[in-house]
Protein backbone atom coordinates (compact mmCIF):
# COMPACT_ATOMS: atom_id res chain seq x y z
CA MET A 1 137.48 31.65 83.48
CA GLN A 2 140.82 33.31 82.21
CA LEU A 3 139.18 33.84 78.90
CA ASN A 4 136.37 35.43 80.38
CA ASN A 5 138.52 37.82 82.16
CA LYS A 6 140.48 38.74 79.20
CA PHE A 7 137.30 39.36 77.14
CA LEU A 8 136.16 41.64 80.09
CA GLY A 9 139.48 43.35 80.05
CA PHE A 10 139.39 44.23 76.33
CA ALA A 11 135.79 45.25 76.42
CA SER A 12 136.45 47.38 79.53
CA ALA A 13 139.33 49.19 77.93
CA ILE A 14 137.40 49.79 74.67
CA PHE A 15 134.20 51.05 76.54
CA ALA A 16 136.13 53.35 78.88
CA ALA A 17 138.07 54.93 75.92
CA MET A 18 134.84 55.44 74.11
CA LEU A 19 133.24 57.13 77.14
CA TRP A 20 136.36 59.48 77.43
CA GLY A 21 136.06 60.41 73.73
CA VAL A 22 132.32 60.99 74.00
CA SER A 23 132.88 63.17 77.10
CA GLY A 24 135.25 65.32 75.23
CA ALA A 25 132.40 66.03 72.59
CA PHE A 26 130.01 66.98 75.24
CA ALA A 27 132.62 69.46 76.78
CA GLN A 28 132.78 71.01 73.23
CA PHE A 29 129.06 71.28 73.30
CA LEU A 30 129.01 72.96 76.76
CA PHE A 31 131.84 75.44 75.58
CA ARG A 32 130.32 76.28 72.22
CA GLU A 33 126.63 76.17 72.88
CA LYS A 34 126.31 76.85 76.60
CA GLU A 35 128.99 79.33 77.02
CA PHE A 36 130.82 77.34 79.75
CA ASN A 37 134.52 77.92 80.93
CA ALA A 38 136.89 75.21 81.25
CA GLU A 39 137.95 76.10 84.85
CA TRP A 40 134.38 75.39 86.28
CA LEU A 41 133.91 72.24 84.38
CA VAL A 42 137.29 70.78 85.45
CA THR A 43 136.87 71.82 89.16
CA VAL A 44 133.45 70.25 89.48
CA ARG A 45 134.50 67.15 87.46
CA LEU A 46 137.39 66.49 89.62
CA LEU A 47 135.69 67.24 93.04
CA ILE A 48 132.73 65.07 92.49
CA SER A 49 134.55 62.13 90.83
CA GLY A 50 137.09 62.20 93.59
CA VAL A 51 134.69 62.04 96.42
CA LEU A 52 132.68 59.32 94.80
CA MET A 53 135.66 57.24 94.01
CA LEU A 54 136.99 57.55 97.61
CA LEU A 55 133.55 56.68 98.94
CA PHE A 56 133.57 53.54 96.69
CA GLY A 57 136.91 52.68 98.18
CA VAL A 58 135.66 53.04 101.78
CA LEU A 59 132.65 50.93 100.93
CA GLN A 60 134.99 48.23 99.67
CA LYS A 61 136.95 48.70 103.02
CA ASN A 62 139.98 49.35 100.99
CA PRO A 63 142.91 50.22 103.53
CA ASP A 64 144.87 52.27 101.14
CA VAL A 65 142.16 54.96 101.21
CA VAL A 66 143.63 56.04 104.60
CA GLY A 67 146.98 54.06 104.58
CA ILE A 68 148.37 56.18 101.52
CA TRP A 69 148.84 59.19 103.94
CA LYS A 70 150.82 57.20 106.60
CA ASP A 71 154.02 57.32 104.76
CA LYS A 72 155.28 60.85 104.35
CA LYS A 73 157.35 60.05 101.18
CA TYR A 74 154.45 58.49 99.32
CA ALA A 75 151.97 61.34 100.55
CA ILE A 76 154.31 63.87 99.11
CA GLN A 77 154.33 62.00 95.82
CA LEU A 78 150.63 61.75 95.78
CA VAL A 79 150.21 65.55 96.27
CA LEU A 80 152.74 66.34 93.51
CA PHE A 81 151.04 63.77 91.16
CA SER A 82 147.72 65.36 91.94
CA LEU A 83 148.94 68.87 90.91
CA LEU A 84 151.46 68.12 88.21
CA GLY A 85 149.80 64.98 86.70
CA MET A 86 146.02 64.78 87.35
CA LEU A 87 145.23 68.46 87.41
CA THR A 88 147.38 69.43 84.37
CA VAL A 89 146.23 66.59 82.31
CA GLN A 90 142.54 67.35 82.82
CA TYR A 91 142.87 71.07 82.49
CA THR A 92 145.22 71.28 79.38
CA TYR A 93 142.70 68.87 77.61
CA PHE A 94 139.80 70.90 78.21
CA VAL A 95 141.20 74.05 77.30
CA THR A 96 142.41 72.59 74.07
CA ILE A 97 138.81 71.61 73.29
CA LEU A 98 137.79 75.11 74.14
CA HIS A 99 140.17 76.64 71.55
CA SER A 100 139.60 73.79 68.92
CA ASN A 101 137.39 70.95 69.10
CA ALA A 102 137.17 67.52 70.88
CA ALA A 103 138.57 65.53 67.87
CA THR A 104 141.50 67.53 67.44
CA ALA A 105 142.29 67.95 71.18
CA THR A 106 142.16 64.20 71.76
CA VAL A 107 144.23 63.28 68.82
CA ILE A 108 146.92 65.79 69.64
CA GLN A 109 146.95 64.68 73.28
CA TYR A 110 147.74 61.24 72.04
CA THR A 111 151.19 62.36 70.90
CA GLY A 112 151.98 61.88 74.54
CA PRO A 113 153.53 58.61 74.25
CA VAL A 114 156.15 60.06 71.97
CA PHE A 115 157.21 62.37 74.84
CA ILE A 116 157.50 59.34 77.11
CA ALA A 117 159.85 57.58 74.53
CA ILE A 118 161.93 60.68 74.37
CA TYR A 119 162.11 61.08 78.19
CA LEU A 120 163.02 57.38 78.67
CA ALA A 121 165.81 57.58 75.92
CA LEU A 122 167.29 60.65 77.75
CA ARG A 123 166.96 59.21 81.13
CA LEU A 124 168.51 55.78 80.01
CA LYS A 125 171.13 57.82 77.98
CA LYS A 126 170.47 55.74 74.79
CA TRP A 127 169.63 56.76 71.27
CA PRO A 128 166.00 55.85 70.48
CA LYS A 129 165.69 52.73 68.55
CA PRO A 130 164.63 52.76 64.86
CA ILE A 131 161.07 51.88 65.66
CA GLU A 132 161.06 54.82 68.16
CA PHE A 133 162.46 57.23 65.57
CA LEU A 134 159.74 55.94 63.20
CA ALA A 135 157.11 56.55 65.88
CA ILE A 136 158.39 60.10 66.76
CA GLY A 137 158.47 60.96 62.94
CA MET A 138 154.83 59.80 62.39
CA ALA A 139 153.75 61.72 65.42
CA MET A 140 155.34 64.78 64.09
CA LEU A 141 153.86 64.18 60.59
CA GLY A 142 150.48 63.63 61.95
CA THR A 143 150.50 66.78 64.03
CA PHE A 144 151.72 68.62 61.11
CA LEU A 145 148.92 67.34 58.83
CA LEU A 146 146.36 68.29 61.47
CA VAL A 147 147.70 71.67 62.12
CA THR A 148 148.57 72.80 58.53
CA HIS A 149 146.77 70.46 56.16
CA GLY A 150 150.01 70.06 54.43
CA ASP A 151 150.49 73.71 53.67
CA ILE A 152 153.34 75.15 55.77
CA HIS A 153 151.94 78.68 55.19
CA THR A 154 148.59 78.20 56.87
CA LEU A 155 147.41 76.90 60.26
CA ASN A 156 144.18 74.80 60.48
CA ILE A 157 143.93 75.56 64.12
CA THR A 158 144.79 78.62 66.27
CA PRO A 159 148.34 78.95 67.65
CA THR A 160 146.63 79.04 71.11
CA ALA A 161 144.97 75.53 70.47
CA LEU A 162 148.33 74.21 69.22
CA VAL A 163 150.25 75.29 72.30
CA TRP A 164 147.64 73.85 74.71
CA GLY A 165 147.51 70.74 72.67
CA ILE A 166 151.11 70.14 73.07
CA ALA A 167 150.89 71.01 76.62
CA SER A 168 148.18 68.40 77.05
CA ALA A 169 150.34 65.71 75.37
CA ILE A 170 153.22 66.60 77.74
CA ALA A 171 150.72 66.50 80.66
CA LEU A 172 149.68 62.98 79.60
CA ALA A 173 153.30 61.73 79.54
CA VAL A 174 153.84 63.33 83.15
CA TYR A 175 150.51 61.61 84.21
CA THR A 176 151.57 58.34 82.94
CA LEU A 177 155.19 58.34 84.28
CA MET A 178 154.62 60.00 87.73
CA PRO A 179 152.58 57.45 89.61
CA VAL A 180 154.60 54.38 88.79
CA HIS A 181 155.98 53.96 92.24
CA LEU A 182 152.67 54.84 93.99
CA LEU A 183 151.03 52.19 91.99
CA ASP A 184 153.63 49.68 92.99
CA ARG A 185 152.46 50.16 96.65
CA TYR A 186 148.90 51.39 96.69
CA SER A 187 145.48 50.73 95.21
CA PRO A 188 144.70 52.65 92.00
CA ILE A 189 141.35 53.61 93.46
CA ALA A 190 142.87 55.38 96.43
CA ILE A 191 145.58 57.06 94.05
CA ILE A 192 142.98 58.20 91.59
CA GLY A 193 140.35 59.25 94.10
CA TRP A 194 142.65 61.31 96.29
CA SER A 195 144.43 62.84 93.28
CA MET A 196 141.16 64.02 91.75
CA LEU A 197 139.97 65.44 95.11
CA ILE A 198 143.34 67.22 95.67
CA ALA A 199 143.31 68.56 92.10
CA GLY A 200 139.70 69.65 92.40
CA ILE A 201 140.47 71.45 95.59
CA ALA A 202 143.32 73.30 93.92
CA MET A 203 141.14 74.22 90.98
CA SER A 204 138.42 75.52 93.39
CA ILE A 205 140.85 78.31 94.36
CA ILE A 206 141.12 79.39 90.63
CA HIS A 207 137.33 78.90 90.17
CA PRO A 208 135.02 78.00 93.06
CA PRO A 209 132.49 75.41 92.03
CA HIS A 210 129.49 77.47 93.45
CA LYS A 211 130.12 80.28 90.87
CA LEU A 212 128.07 78.97 88.03
CA GLU A 213 128.42 80.34 84.46
CA GLY A 214 126.83 79.48 81.20
CA ILE A 215 123.34 78.60 80.04
CA TRP A 216 121.56 76.12 82.15
CA ASP A 217 118.80 74.04 80.93
CA ARG A 218 117.93 70.31 80.57
CA ASP A 219 120.43 69.62 77.89
CA THR A 220 123.14 71.43 80.06
CA TYR A 221 122.38 69.24 83.16
CA LEU A 222 122.51 66.09 81.01
CA ALA A 223 125.89 66.95 79.49
CA VAL A 224 127.44 67.84 82.89
CA LEU A 225 126.03 64.55 84.40
CA PHE A 226 127.41 62.69 81.51
CA ILE A 227 130.95 64.19 81.79
CA ILE A 228 131.14 63.59 85.63
CA PHE A 229 129.64 60.03 85.79
CA LEU A 230 129.96 58.41 82.36
CA GLY A 231 132.97 60.50 81.26
CA THR A 232 135.14 60.40 84.36
CA LEU A 233 134.09 58.20 87.34
CA ILE A 234 132.80 55.06 85.41
CA PRO A 235 135.44 54.90 82.67
CA PHE A 236 138.42 55.46 85.06
CA TYR A 237 137.02 52.56 87.33
CA ILE A 238 136.43 50.12 84.47
CA PHE A 239 139.79 51.05 82.84
CA LEU A 240 141.35 49.91 85.99
CA THR A 241 139.55 46.66 85.64
CA ALA A 242 140.98 46.34 82.28
CA ILE A 243 144.58 46.94 83.45
CA LYS A 244 144.05 44.23 86.13
CA ASN A 245 142.70 41.79 83.50
CA ILE A 246 144.79 42.33 80.41
CA GLY A 247 147.77 44.51 81.59
CA PRO A 248 148.75 48.15 81.08
CA GLN A 249 150.28 47.73 77.57
CA ARG A 250 147.08 46.17 76.02
CA ALA A 251 144.90 48.47 77.86
CA SER A 252 146.75 51.57 76.70
CA LEU A 253 146.73 50.26 73.05
CA LEU A 254 142.95 49.75 73.11
CA ALA A 255 142.54 53.33 74.54
CA CYS A 256 143.21 54.58 71.05
CA ALA A 257 139.47 54.19 70.65
CA GLU A 258 139.19 57.35 72.42
CA PRO A 259 140.43 59.77 69.66
CA LEU A 260 138.33 57.60 67.11
CA SER A 261 135.17 58.08 69.07
CA ALA A 262 135.74 61.70 69.82
CA THR A 263 136.24 62.23 66.06
CA LEU A 264 133.16 60.37 64.98
CA ILE A 265 130.92 62.09 67.64
CA ALA A 266 132.45 65.51 66.78
CA VAL A 267 131.83 65.00 63.00
CA ALA A 268 128.42 63.27 63.19
CA TYR A 269 126.73 65.33 65.84
CA PHE A 270 128.69 68.77 66.33
CA GLY A 271 129.31 69.49 62.64
CA VAL A 272 133.09 69.53 63.04
CA ASN A 273 134.57 69.70 59.53
CA PHE A 274 137.16 66.94 59.44
CA GLU A 275 138.91 66.75 55.95
CA THR A 276 141.11 64.02 54.39
CA MET A 277 144.28 65.62 56.02
CA ASP A 278 142.76 65.52 59.27
CA TYR A 279 141.92 61.89 59.04
CA LEU A 280 145.42 61.17 57.54
CA GLY A 281 146.95 63.00 60.49
CA SER A 282 144.99 61.25 62.97
CA LEU A 283 145.95 57.85 61.57
CA CYS A 284 149.55 58.66 61.82
CA ILE A 285 149.30 59.70 65.48
CA ILE A 286 147.25 56.62 66.42
CA ALA A 287 149.81 54.42 64.62
CA THR A 288 152.31 55.68 67.02
CA ILE A 289 150.59 54.05 69.92
CA PHE A 290 150.84 50.58 68.27
CA LEU A 291 154.48 51.16 67.53
CA LEU A 292 155.46 52.29 71.04
CA THR A 293 153.49 49.72 72.69
CA LYS A 294 156.07 47.28 71.58
CA ILE A 295 158.83 49.31 73.28
CA LYS A 296 156.87 49.84 76.45
CA LYS A 297 156.74 46.21 77.03
CA LYS A 298 160.39 46.04 77.58
CA VAL A 299 160.42 48.99 79.94
CA ILE A 300 157.25 48.29 82.07
CA PRO A 301 156.52 44.64 82.48
CA GLU A 302 152.94 43.58 82.40
CA ASN A 303 151.11 42.38 85.53
């Protein structure tokens, strides 16, 4: 039975990461081909997924769906995580796709663990270990190859895309670190459901969901539905299953399937020109995840 649970955990983590990667490619399709903007897509994605996940928690009779609001301290933490973690990681990622492509945006975002390592080193007031220095160096090299193709006099992506990409990596680090105490006390379904809903409501102030833009046809509806259900709701839930069965470190390691799937879809179906330097840069960044996973085991014990 334990072996079956582990297999389910590995399969769930990989499948969730692949769905996330494909959803990024579909977002690129909506931005490029259907003239969508990032604000509307993020708003609708968060609102619908948040409502459905909370509804699922209610059907499961999960007491944390209501209980998370009974303690003022944790309620404040939830709101802050919703705005500074969930909202920023979703929005910066989609805006990076808008200004570059799904493959580049996903790979750059995966430098997030490097910012986590730097933050922990500063907080613990300790110099990074040699393996952490190596990971940081490889992340910088990978980003350099992606952005310049090895030529310091040229940029392969726009400065706007680079800034938003780095912002998405920092947002991923914040998203990973902020809910630690919440997760110790409350169900992930309640935390993710409420944070998505709160973030979606906040985004509605910027771009109300009823203000539709872009070109709407059958392909548009299919892409939007994929992003909401197969790119958000289902992968978030099955990734939680993976964390439960194999622990956060192994699940996070297997999540590197996301940039790989985003790259393959972007190259194969959307005509993104990924050159040798792009692949080398991507491999350098993905390698940092393997290196830093060994460090994280000493900081955050597995379940």
